[in-house]
Amino acid sequence: MPTLGERLTFLQAERQLLKKDIAAAAGLSLMGYYRYERGERQPPADVLIALADYFDVSLDYLVGRSDDPTRR
C-alpha cells in the first residue's frame, strides 16, 4: 500500500498543484509539508483532515489504507 508521502506526491502531480498552495490550504509551512511528503513526520489528525478535504479524497485513501479515493 502507498504511504502518505507517496499519495501526496501523486495527488500533487496528478492535479498539477504547487506544494506551497497545498501547504497553505492545510495551514502548514512549506517545510512542514515537505516533511510529511518525505515521511519524516506524521501529521496530526487535523492536518490529515485538511489535506483530505483539499484533495477531496477519503482519509483512508490519503493514508494508503484504500485505493478508492471517493468520500462516503
N, C-alpha and C. Protein backbone atom coordinates (compact mmCIF):
# COMPACT_ATOMS: atom_id res chain seq x y z
N MET A 1 0.83 -1.19 0.00
CA MET A 1 0.00 0.00 0.00
C MET A 1 0.88 1.26 0.00
N PRO A 2 0.45 2.26 -0.71
CA PRO A 2 1.21 3.51 -0.76
C PRO A 2 1.26 4.20 0.59
N THR A 3 2.31 4.95 0.80
CA THR A 3 2.44 5.74 2.02
C THR A 3 1.75 7.09 1.83
N LEU A 4 1.60 7.81 2.94
CA LEU A 4 1.03 9.16 2.87
C LEU A 4 1.86 10.02 1.92
N GLY A 5 3.16 9.97 2.05
CA GLY A 5 4.04 10.78 1.19
C GLY A 5 3.86 10.46 -0.28
N GLU A 6 3.73 9.18 -0.59
CA GLU A 6 3.51 8.78 -1.98
C GLU A 6 2.18 9.29 -2.50
N ARG A 7 1.16 9.23 -1.65
CA ARG A 7 -0.16 9.75 -2.07
C ARG A 7 -0.10 11.26 -2.30
N LEU A 8 0.56 11.97 -1.39
CA LEU A 8 0.65 13.42 -1.54
C LEU A 8 1.37 13.78 -2.84
N THR A 9 2.46 13.08 -3.11
CA THR A 9 3.23 13.33 -4.33
C THR A 9 2.38 13.03 -5.56
N PHE A 10 1.67 11.91 -5.53
CA PHE A 10 0.82 11.53 -6.66
C PHE A 10 -0.29 12.55 -6.89
N LEU A 11 -0.99 12.93 -5.83
CA LEU A 11 -2.10 13.87 -5.97
C LEU A 11 -1.62 15.23 -6.46
N GLN A 12 -0.49 15.67 -5.97
CA GLN A 12 0.05 16.95 -6.41
C GLN A 12 0.38 16.91 -7.89
N ALA A 13 1.05 15.85 -8.34
CA ALA A 13 1.43 15.74 -9.75
C ALA A 13 0.20 15.57 -10.64
N GLU A 14 -0.73 14.72 -10.21
CA GLU A 14 -1.92 14.46 -11.00
C GLU A 14 -2.74 15.73 -11.24
N ARG A 15 -2.78 16.57 -10.23
CA ARG A 15 -3.61 17.78 -10.32
C ARG A 15 -2.81 19.03 -10.67
N GLN A 16 -1.51 18.83 -10.90
CA GLN A 16 -0.61 19.92 -11.28
C GLN A 16 -0.69 21.09 -10.29
N LEU A 17 -0.54 20.77 -9.02
CA LEU A 17 -0.61 21.76 -7.96
C LEU A 17 0.79 22.13 -7.47
N LEU A 18 0.90 23.28 -6.87
CA LEU A 18 2.15 23.71 -6.27
C LEU A 18 2.17 23.31 -4.79
N LYS A 19 3.31 22.85 -4.33
CA LYS A 19 3.45 22.45 -2.93
C LYS A 19 3.09 23.59 -1.98
N LYS A 20 3.47 24.80 -2.34
CA LYS A 20 3.19 25.95 -1.47
C LYS A 20 1.69 26.18 -1.33
N ASP A 21 0.92 25.91 -2.39
CA ASP A 21 -0.53 26.08 -2.33
C ASP A 21 -1.18 25.00 -1.47
N ILE A 22 -0.67 23.78 -1.58
CA ILE A 22 -1.19 22.68 -0.75
C ILE A 22 -0.90 22.98 0.71
N ALA A 23 0.33 23.37 0.99
CA ALA A 23 0.73 23.67 2.36
C ALA A 23 -0.14 24.79 2.94
N ALA A 24 -0.34 25.84 2.19
CA ALA A 24 -1.15 26.97 2.67
C ALA A 24 -2.58 26.54 2.94
N ALA A 25 -3.15 25.73 2.07
CA ALA A 25 -4.53 25.28 2.25
C ALA A 25 -4.69 24.42 3.50
N ALA A 26 -3.64 23.71 3.87
CA ALA A 26 -3.69 22.86 5.06
C ALA A 26 -3.19 23.58 6.30
N GLY A 27 -2.81 24.84 6.16
CA GLY A 27 -2.33 25.62 7.30
C GLY A 27 -0.93 25.21 7.75
N LEU A 28 -0.11 24.81 6.79
CA LEU A 28 1.24 24.34 7.09
C LEU A 28 2.28 25.26 6.48
N SER A 29 3.48 25.20 7.05
CA SER A 29 4.61 25.83 6.38
C SER A 29 5.02 24.91 5.23
N LEU A 30 5.73 25.46 4.28
CA LEU A 30 6.20 24.65 3.17
C LEU A 30 7.13 23.55 3.67
N MET A 31 8.01 23.87 4.62
CA MET A 31 8.92 22.86 5.17
C MET A 31 8.14 21.77 5.91
N GLY A 32 7.09 22.14 6.62
CA GLY A 32 6.26 21.15 7.30
C GLY A 32 5.62 20.20 6.31
N TYR A 33 5.14 20.74 5.21
CA TYR A 33 4.55 19.90 4.17
C TYR A 33 5.59 18.95 3.59
N TYR A 34 6.78 19.47 3.30
CA TYR A 34 7.86 18.62 2.78
C TYR A 34 8.15 17.46 3.72
N ARG A 35 8.14 17.71 5.00
CA ARG A 35 8.43 16.65 5.98
C ARG A 35 7.37 15.55 5.95
N TYR A 36 6.13 15.91 5.77
CA TYR A 36 5.07 14.90 5.64
C TYR A 36 5.23 14.14 4.33
N GLU A 37 5.52 14.86 3.27
CA GLU A 37 5.66 14.24 1.96
C GLU A 37 6.84 13.25 1.92
N ARG A 38 7.91 13.59 2.61
CA ARG A 38 9.09 12.71 2.63
C ARG A 38 9.02 11.65 3.71
N GLY A 39 7.96 11.66 4.51
CA GLY A 39 7.80 10.66 5.55
C GLY A 39 8.66 10.90 6.78
N GLU A 40 9.17 12.11 6.92
CA GLU A 40 10.00 12.43 8.08
C GLU A 40 9.16 12.66 9.33
N ARG A 41 7.92 13.03 9.14
CA ARG A 41 6.98 13.26 10.25
C ARG A 41 5.61 12.76 9.86
N GLN A 42 4.81 12.45 10.88
CA GLN A 42 3.43 12.05 10.67
C GLN A 42 2.52 13.20 11.11
N PRO A 43 1.61 13.62 10.25
CA PRO A 43 0.75 14.75 10.60
C PRO A 43 -0.31 14.37 11.63
N PRO A 44 -0.71 15.33 12.44
CA PRO A 44 -1.83 15.09 13.37
C PRO A 44 -3.14 14.99 12.59
N ALA A 45 -4.16 14.53 13.27
CA ALA A 45 -5.46 14.29 12.63
C ALA A 45 -6.01 15.53 11.94
N ASP A 46 -5.88 16.71 12.55
CA ASP A 46 -6.45 17.90 11.93
C ASP A 46 -5.78 18.24 10.60
N VAL A 47 -4.50 17.96 10.49
CA VAL A 47 -3.79 18.21 9.23
C VAL A 47 -4.20 17.16 8.18
N LEU A 48 -4.33 15.92 8.59
CA LEU A 48 -4.79 14.88 7.66
C LEU A 48 -6.17 15.23 7.10
N ILE A 49 -7.04 15.69 7.97
CA ILE A 49 -8.39 16.07 7.54
C ILE A 49 -8.32 17.25 6.56
N ALA A 50 -7.50 18.23 6.87
CA ALA A 50 -7.36 19.39 5.98
C ALA A 50 -6.83 18.98 4.61
N LEU A 51 -5.86 18.07 4.60
CA LEU A 51 -5.30 17.60 3.32
C LEU A 51 -6.33 16.78 2.54
N ALA A 52 -7.05 15.91 3.22
CA ALA A 52 -8.09 15.11 2.56
C ALA A 52 -9.18 16.03 1.99
N ASP A 53 -9.56 17.04 2.75
CA ASP A 53 -10.56 18.00 2.26
C ASP A 53 -10.04 18.75 1.04
N TYR A 54 -8.80 19.20 1.11
CA TYR A 54 -8.22 19.95 -0.01
C TYR A 54 -8.20 19.13 -1.29
N PHE A 55 -7.80 17.87 -1.17
CA PHE A 55 -7.73 17.00 -2.34
C PHE A 55 -9.07 16.33 -2.66
N ASP A 56 -10.05 16.50 -1.78
CA ASP A 56 -11.38 15.89 -1.92
C ASP A 56 -11.27 14.37 -2.08
N VAL A 57 -10.52 13.77 -1.15
CA VAL A 57 -10.35 12.31 -1.10
C VAL A 57 -10.65 11.84 0.32
N SER A 58 -10.87 10.54 0.48
CA SER A 58 -11.11 10.00 1.81
C SER A 58 -9.80 9.93 2.60
N LEU A 59 -9.91 9.94 3.91
CA LEU A 59 -8.73 9.79 4.76
C LEU A 59 -8.06 8.44 4.52
N ASP A 60 -8.85 7.39 4.35
CA ASP A 60 -8.27 6.07 4.10
C ASP A 60 -7.44 6.07 2.82
N TYR A 61 -7.91 6.73 1.80
CA TYR A 61 -7.15 6.81 0.56
C TYR A 61 -5.86 7.60 0.79
N LEU A 62 -5.97 8.73 1.45
CA LEU A 62 -4.82 9.60 1.66
C LEU A 62 -3.70 8.88 2.41
N VAL A 63 -4.04 8.09 3.40
CA VAL A 63 -3.00 7.43 4.20
C VAL A 63 -2.65 6.04 3.68
N GLY A 64 -3.22 5.65 2.54
CA GLY A 64 -2.84 4.39 1.91
C GLY A 64 -3.57 3.16 2.38
N ARG A 65 -4.69 3.34 3.08
CA ARG A 65 -5.47 2.19 3.56
C ARG A 65 -6.47 1.70 2.54
N SER A 66 -6.68 2.48 1.50
CA SER A 66 -7.65 2.14 0.46
C SER A 66 -7.16 2.70 -0.87
N ASP A 67 -7.57 2.04 -1.94
CA ASP A 67 -7.26 2.56 -3.27
C ASP A 67 -8.46 3.32 -3.86
N ASP A 68 -9.51 3.46 -3.07
CA ASP A 68 -10.71 4.17 -3.50
C ASP A 68 -10.68 5.59 -2.94
N PRO A 69 -10.46 6.60 -3.78
CA PRO A 69 -10.37 7.97 -3.27
C PRO A 69 -11.69 8.62 -2.90
N THR A 70 -12.82 7.99 -3.26
CA THR A 70 -14.11 8.64 -3.02
C THR A 70 -14.43 8.74 -1.54
N ARG A 71 -15.08 9.83 -1.23
CA ARG A 71 -15.55 10.05 0.15
C ARG A 71 -16.96 9.53 0.26
N ARG A 72 -17.27 8.89 1.37
CA ARG A 72 -18.62 8.34 1.54
C ARG A 72 -19.33 9.01 2.66
